[in-house]
């Protein structure tokens, strides 16, 4: 949902903080998943990267030769 806030109104800061606080509440689970993936990639390097590419991008045949930076 798109919300439009008028920065000139008195309660702008309060409304903005409420919106941002709601977003913070929803993200802890996602943050934990992302941290787990990052740690796995740091530890297992390309092997983990290939695993997640296959998992999230549905690549059937993905090898270290396909990784480009």
C-alpha atoms as a PDB file:
ATOM      1  CA  UNK A   1       0.000   0.000   0.000  1.00  0.00           C
ATOM      2  CA  UNK A   2       1.347   3.400  -0.980  1.00  0.00           C
ATOM      3  CA  UNK A   3       1.143   6.070   1.692  1.00  0.00           C
ATOM      4  CA  UNK A   4       1.664   9.729   1.054  1.00  0.00           C
ATOM      5  CA  UNK A   5       2.806  11.850   3.986  1.00  0.00           C
ATOM      6  CA  UNK A   6       2.908  15.617   3.998  1.00  0.00           C
ATOM      7  CA  UNK A   7       6.202  16.740   5.527  1.00  0.00           C
ATOM      8  CA  UNK A   8       4.767  20.139   6.374  1.00  0.00           C
ATOM      9  CA  UNK A   9       2.178  18.831   8.846  1.00  0.00           C
ATOM     10  CA  UNK A  10       2.779  18.779  12.599  1.00  0.00           C
ATOM     11  CA  UNK A  11       2.356  15.027  13.036  1.00  0.00           C
ATOM     12  CA  UNK A  12       4.601  14.051  10.101  1.00  0.00           C
ATOM     13  CA  UNK A  13       7.452  12.701  12.240  1.00  0.00           C
ATOM     14  CA  UNK A  14       5.093  10.683  14.455  1.00  0.00           C
ATOM     15  CA  UNK A  15       3.345   9.093  11.468  1.00  0.00           C
ATOM     16  CA  UNK A  16       6.642   8.307   9.782  1.00  0.00           C
ATOM     17  CA  UNK A  17       7.992   6.668  12.946  1.00  0.00           C
ATOM     18  CA  UNK A  18       4.845   4.518  13.236  1.00  0.00           C
ATOM     19  CA  UNK A  19       5.213   3.299   9.664  1.00  0.00           C
ATOM     20  CA  UNK A  20       8.905   2.534  10.112  1.00  0.00           C
ATOM     21  CA  UNK A  21       8.281   0.720  13.414  1.00  0.00           C
ATOM     22  CA  UNK A  22       5.728  -1.558  11.744  1.00  0.00           C
ATOM     23  CA  UNK A  23       8.278  -2.469   9.094  1.00  0.00           C
ATOM     24  CA  UNK A  24      10.910  -3.271  11.736  1.00  0.00           C
ATOM     25  CA  UNK A  25       8.576  -5.721  13.484  1.00  0.00           C
ATOM     26  CA  UNK A  26       8.112  -7.853  10.348  1.00  0.00           C
ATOM     27  CA  UNK A  27      11.764  -8.259   9.419  1.00  0.00           C
ATOM     28  CA  UNK A  28      13.534 -10.194  12.248  1.00  0.00           C
ATOM     29  CA  UNK A  29      12.746 -13.601  10.730  1.00  0.00           C
ATOM     30  CA  UNK A  30      14.023 -12.538   7.336  1.00  0.00           C
ATOM     31  CA  UNK A  31      17.111 -11.029   8.929  1.00  0.00           C
ATOM     32  CA  UNK A  32      17.968 -14.327  10.595  1.00  0.00           C
ATOM     33  CA  UNK A  33      17.619 -16.215   7.314  1.00  0.00           C
ATOM     34  CA  UNK A  34      19.838 -13.726   5.491  1.00  0.00           C
ATOM     35  CA  UNK A  35      22.490 -13.874   8.239  1.00  0.00           C
ATOM     36  CA  UNK A  36      22.504 -17.663   8.015  1.00  0.00           C
ATOM     37  CA  UNK A  37      22.998 -17.528   4.238  1.00  0.00           C
ATOM     38  CA  UNK A  38      25.807 -14.975   4.531  1.00  0.00           C
ATOM     39  CA  UNK A  39      27.639 -17.063   7.128  1.00  0.00           C
ATOM     40  CA  UNK A  40      27.287 -20.147   4.962  1.00  0.00           C
ATOM     41  CA  UNK A  41      28.697 -18.324   1.923  1.00  0.00           C
ATOM     42  CA  UNK A  42      31.591 -16.946   4.005  1.00  0.00           C
ATOM     43  CA  UNK A  43      32.413 -20.428   5.252  1.00  0.00           C
ATOM     44  CA  UNK A  44      31.812 -22.547   2.135  1.00  0.00           C
ATOM     45  CA  UNK A  45      32.514 -19.933  -0.562  1.00  0.00           C
ATOM     46  CA  UNK A  46      31.493 -20.889  -4.103  1.00  0.00           C
ATOM     47  CA  UNK A  47      29.941 -24.167  -3.038  1.00  0.00           C
ATOM     48  CA  UNK A  48      27.376 -22.359  -0.873  1.00  0.00           C
ATOM     49  CA  UNK A  49      26.842 -19.687  -3.500  1.00  0.00           C
ATOM     50  CA  UNK A  50      26.026 -22.335  -6.088  1.00  0.00           C
ATOM     51  CA  UNK A  51      23.670 -24.044  -3.630  1.00  0.00           C
ATOM     52  CA  UNK A  52      21.676 -20.848  -3.071  1.00  0.00           C
ATOM     53  CA  UNK A  53      21.645 -19.945  -6.767  1.00  0.00           C
ATOM     54  CA  UNK A  54      20.098 -23.319  -7.513  1.00  0.00           C
ATOM     55  CA  UNK A  55      17.641 -22.992  -4.640  1.00  0.00           C
ATOM     56  CA  UNK A  56      16.395 -19.445  -5.160  1.00  0.00           C
ATOM     57  CA  UNK A  57      16.800 -19.006  -8.919  1.00  0.00           C
ATOM     58  CA  UNK A  58      15.806 -22.529  -9.949  1.00  0.00           C
ATOM     59  CA  UNK A  59      18.950 -23.112 -11.988  1.00  0.00           C
ATOM     60  CA  UNK A  60      19.284 -26.823 -12.704  1.00  0.00           C
ATOM     61  CA  UNK A  61      22.816 -26.738 -14.078  1.00  0.00           C
ATOM     62  CA  UNK A  62      24.829 -24.050 -12.356  1.00  0.00           C
ATOM     63  CA  UNK A  63      28.567 -24.417 -11.758  1.00  0.00           C
ATOM     64  CA  UNK A  64      31.430 -22.277 -10.545  1.00  0.00           C
ATOM     65  CA  UNK A  65      32.212 -21.460 -14.203  1.00  0.00           C
ATOM     66  CA  UNK A  66      28.880 -19.607 -14.365  1.00  0.00           C
ATOM     67  CA  UNK A  67      29.807 -17.223 -11.529  1.00  0.00           C
ATOM     68  CA  UNK A  68      30.847 -13.816 -12.852  1.00  0.00           C
ATOM     69  CA  UNK A  69      31.667 -10.625 -11.020  1.00  0.00           C
END
